[in-house]
Amino acid sequence: MNKIINNHHIEATVLPPPTVQTLIEEANAANASRSRDKVDKSYQREWKKIIDFVTEKRSENILPPSPLYLTRDSVDLYFSTVVANLTVHPKLARRIRPSIVTH
């Protein structure tokens, strides 16, 4: 694309706009780096509880073996058996989801 500005011939290259996928990937990377910097002890404790729960249920053959801890089955089982029976303030219970997302 060429333009004439103040009697000067200017040649400019028009770059294609970033794709939506590229924008999403960049935002996810930025969010992940911010999240890692701000993880507090309560998030770390909750993550350890989830890991321990999944490990225990796998040893009891309730959950199938997997290299992943966060599977649809493990999260559903954790929320339906542990989180549903918590007797804590709702603000504390709401921290469980972000602790999973953060890790």
C-alpha atoms as a PDB file:
ATOM      1  CA  MET A   1       0.000   0.000   0.000  1.00  0.00           C
ATOM      2  CA  ASN A   2       1.443   3.334  -1.034  1.00  0.00           C
ATOM      3  CA  LYS A   3       0.563   6.745   0.339  1.00  0.00           C
ATOM      4  CA  ILE A   4       1.626  10.269  -0.380  1.00  0.00           C
ATOM      5  CA  ILE A   5       2.014  12.357   2.736  1.00  0.00           C
ATOM      6  CA  ASN A   6       3.280  15.946   2.491  1.00  0.00           C
ATOM      7  CA  ASN A   7       4.439  15.348  -1.073  1.00  0.00           C
ATOM      8  CA  HIS A   8       6.530  12.335   0.040  1.00  0.00           C
ATOM      9  CA  HIS A   9       5.897   8.952  -1.420  1.00  0.00           C
ATOM     10  CA  ILE A  10       5.596   6.482   1.467  1.00  0.00           C
ATOM     11  CA  GLU A  11       5.457   2.757   0.966  1.00  0.00           C
ATOM     12  CA  ALA A  12       3.841   0.805   3.756  1.00  0.00           C
ATOM     13  CA  THR A  13       3.420  -2.880   4.229  1.00  0.00           C
ATOM     14  CA  VAL A  14       0.047  -3.959   5.463  1.00  0.00           C
ATOM     15  CA  LEU A  15       0.274  -6.921   7.788  1.00  0.00           C
ATOM     16  CA  PRO A  16      -2.638  -9.320   8.030  1.00  0.00           C
ATOM     17  CA  PRO A  17      -4.625  -8.938  11.242  1.00  0.00           C
ATOM     18  CA  PRO A  18      -3.884 -11.517  13.921  1.00  0.00           C
ATOM     19  CA  THR A  19      -6.196 -14.471  13.954  1.00  0.00           C
ATOM     20  CA  VAL A  20      -8.571 -15.005  16.821  1.00  0.00           C
ATOM     21  CA  GLN A  21      -6.658 -18.152  17.744  1.00  0.00           C
ATOM     22  CA  THR A  22      -3.406 -16.166  17.963  1.00  0.00           C
ATOM     23  CA  LEU A  23      -5.044 -13.576  20.212  1.00  0.00           C
ATOM     24  CA  ILE A  24      -6.448 -16.310  22.457  1.00  0.00           C
ATOM     25  CA  GLU A  25      -3.056 -18.021  22.737  1.00  0.00           C
ATOM     26  CA  GLU A  26      -1.338 -14.746  23.610  1.00  0.00           C
ATOM     27  CA  ALA A  27      -3.958 -13.925  26.247  1.00  0.00           C
ATOM     28  CA  ASN A  28      -3.729 -17.428  27.755  1.00  0.00           C
ATOM     29  CA  ALA A  29       0.059 -17.173  27.971  1.00  0.00           C
ATOM     30  CA  ALA A  30      -0.144 -13.767  29.652  1.00  0.00           C
ATOM     31  CA  ASN A  31      -2.801 -14.971  32.106  1.00  0.00           C
ATOM     32  CA  ALA A  32      -0.844 -18.108  32.932  1.00  0.00           C
ATOM     33  CA  SER A  33       2.296 -16.157  33.754  1.00  0.00           C
ATOM     34  CA  ARG A  34       0.339 -13.760  35.982  1.00  0.00           C
ATOM     35  CA  SER A  35      -1.454 -16.651  37.686  1.00  0.00           C
ATOM     36  CA  ARG A  36       1.773 -18.466  38.523  1.00  0.00           C
ATOM     37  CA  ASP A  37       3.127 -15.353  40.182  1.00  0.00           C
ATOM     38  CA  LYS A  38       0.095 -14.858  42.422  1.00  0.00           C
ATOM     39  CA  VAL A  39      -0.723 -18.349  43.712  1.00  0.00           C
ATOM     40  CA  ASP A  40      -1.227 -18.183  47.458  1.00  0.00           C
ATOM     41  CA  LYS A  41      -1.027 -20.939  50.050  1.00  0.00           C
ATOM     42  CA  SER A  42      -4.762 -21.697  50.044  1.00  0.00           C
ATOM     43  CA  TYR A  43      -4.660 -22.468  46.313  1.00  0.00           C
ATOM     44  CA  GLN A  44      -1.625 -24.685  46.822  1.00  0.00           C
ATOM     45  CA  ARG A  45      -3.320 -26.519  49.720  1.00  0.00           C
ATOM     46  CA  GLU A  46      -6.452 -27.134  47.655  1.00  0.00           C
ATOM     47  CA  TRP A  47      -4.404 -28.416  44.720  1.00  0.00           C
ATOM     48  CA  LYS A  48      -2.611 -30.850  47.054  1.00  0.00           C
ATOM     49  CA  LYS A  49      -5.989 -32.058  48.395  1.00  0.00           C
ATOM     50  CA  ILE A  50      -7.174 -32.746  44.853  1.00  0.00           C
ATOM     51  CA  ILE A  51      -3.983 -34.622  43.976  1.00  0.00           C
ATOM     52  CA  ASP A  52      -4.219 -36.692  47.171  1.00  0.00           C
ATOM     53  CA  PHE A  53      -7.906 -37.416  46.539  1.00  0.00           C
ATOM     54  CA  VAL A  54      -7.304 -38.568  42.955  1.00  0.00           C
ATOM     55  CA  THR A  55      -4.324 -40.691  44.008  1.00  0.00           C
ATOM     56  CA  GLU A  56      -6.393 -42.341  46.737  1.00  0.00           C
ATOM     57  CA  LYS A  57      -9.350 -43.038  44.436  1.00  0.00           C
ATOM     58  CA  ARG A  58      -7.036 -44.535  41.834  1.00  0.00           C
ATOM     59  CA  SER A  59      -5.483 -46.828  44.432  1.00  0.00           C
ATOM     60  CA  GLU A  60      -9.016 -47.934  45.367  1.00  0.00           C
ATOM     61  CA  ASN A  61      -9.767 -48.527  41.651  1.00  0.00           C
ATOM     62  CA  ILE A  62     -12.587 -45.986  41.759  1.00  0.00           C
ATOM     63  CA  LEU A  63     -10.828 -43.825  39.154  1.00  0.00           C
ATOM     64  CA  PRO A  64      -8.917 -45.343  36.235  1.00  0.00           C
ATOM     65  CA  PRO A  65      -5.137 -44.873  35.976  1.00  0.00           C
ATOM     66  CA  SER A  66      -4.099 -41.844  33.970  1.00  0.00           C
ATOM     67  CA  PRO A  67      -1.080 -39.555  33.646  1.00  0.00           C
ATOM     68  CA  LEU A  68      -3.516 -36.642  34.193  1.00  0.00           C
ATOM     69  CA  TYR A  69      -5.031 -35.647  37.511  1.00  0.00           C
ATOM     70  CA  LEU A  70      -7.661 -33.329  36.098  1.00  0.00           C
ATOM     71  CA  THR A  71      -9.979 -35.485  34.095  1.00  0.00           C
ATOM     72  CA  ARG A  72     -13.717 -35.091  33.747  1.00  0.00           C
ATOM     73  CA  ASP A  73     -14.262 -38.112  36.022  1.00  0.00           C
ATOM     74  CA  SER A  74     -11.821 -37.009  38.724  1.00  0.00           C
ATOM     75  CA  VAL A  75     -13.145 -33.439  38.891  1.00  0.00           C
ATOM     76  CA  ASP A  76     -16.770 -34.610  38.925  1.00  0.00           C
ATOM     77  CA  LEU A  77     -16.056 -37.127  41.669  1.00  0.00           C
ATOM     78  CA  TYR A  78     -14.127 -34.584  43.749  1.00  0.00           C
ATOM     79  CA  PHE A  79     -16.849 -31.965  43.506  1.00  0.00           C
ATOM     80  CA  SER A  80     -19.713 -34.372  44.096  1.00  0.00           C
ATOM     81  CA  THR A  81     -18.155 -36.140  47.090  1.00  0.00           C
ATOM     82  CA  VAL A  82     -15.842 -33.590  48.693  1.00  0.00           C
ATOM     83  CA  VAL A  83     -16.842 -30.066  47.747  1.00  0.00           C
ATOM     84  CA  ALA A  84     -20.578 -30.751  48.006  1.00  0.00           C
ATOM     85  CA  ASN A  85     -20.099 -31.823  51.632  1.00  0.00           C
ATOM     86  CA  LEU A  86     -17.862 -28.974  52.770  1.00  0.00           C
ATOM     87  CA  THR A  87     -19.044 -26.893  55.684  1.00  0.00           C
ATOM     88  CA  VAL A  88     -17.119 -23.725  54.919  1.00  0.00           C
ATOM     89  CA  HIS A  89     -17.957 -20.178  54.014  1.00  0.00           C
ATOM     90  CA  PRO A  90     -19.030 -19.880  50.341  1.00  0.00           C
ATOM     91  CA  LYS A  91     -16.113 -17.511  49.638  1.00  0.00           C
ATOM     92  CA  LEU A  92     -13.691 -20.236  50.658  1.00  0.00           C
ATOM     93  CA  ALA A  93     -15.514 -22.871  48.636  1.00  0.00           C
ATOM     94  CA  ARG A  94     -15.305 -20.616  45.563  1.00  0.00           C
ATOM     95  CA  ARG A  95     -11.515 -20.772  45.739  1.00  0.00           C
ATOM     96  CA  ILE A  96     -11.517 -24.438  44.731  1.00  0.00           C
ATOM     97  CA  ARG A  97     -12.252 -23.828  41.058  1.00  0.00           C
ATOM     98  CA  PRO A  98      -9.500 -21.214  40.583  1.00  0.00           C
ATOM     99  CA  SER A  99      -7.008 -23.492  42.328  1.00  0.00           C
ATOM    100  CA  ILE A 100      -7.758 -26.156  39.737  1.00  0.00           C
ATOM    101  CA  VAL A 101      -7.577 -23.700  36.853  1.00  0.00           C
ATOM    102  CA  THR A 102      -4.319 -22.217  38.125  1.00  0.00           C
ATOM    103  CA  HIS A 103      -2.574 -25.559  38.208  1.00  0.00           C
END
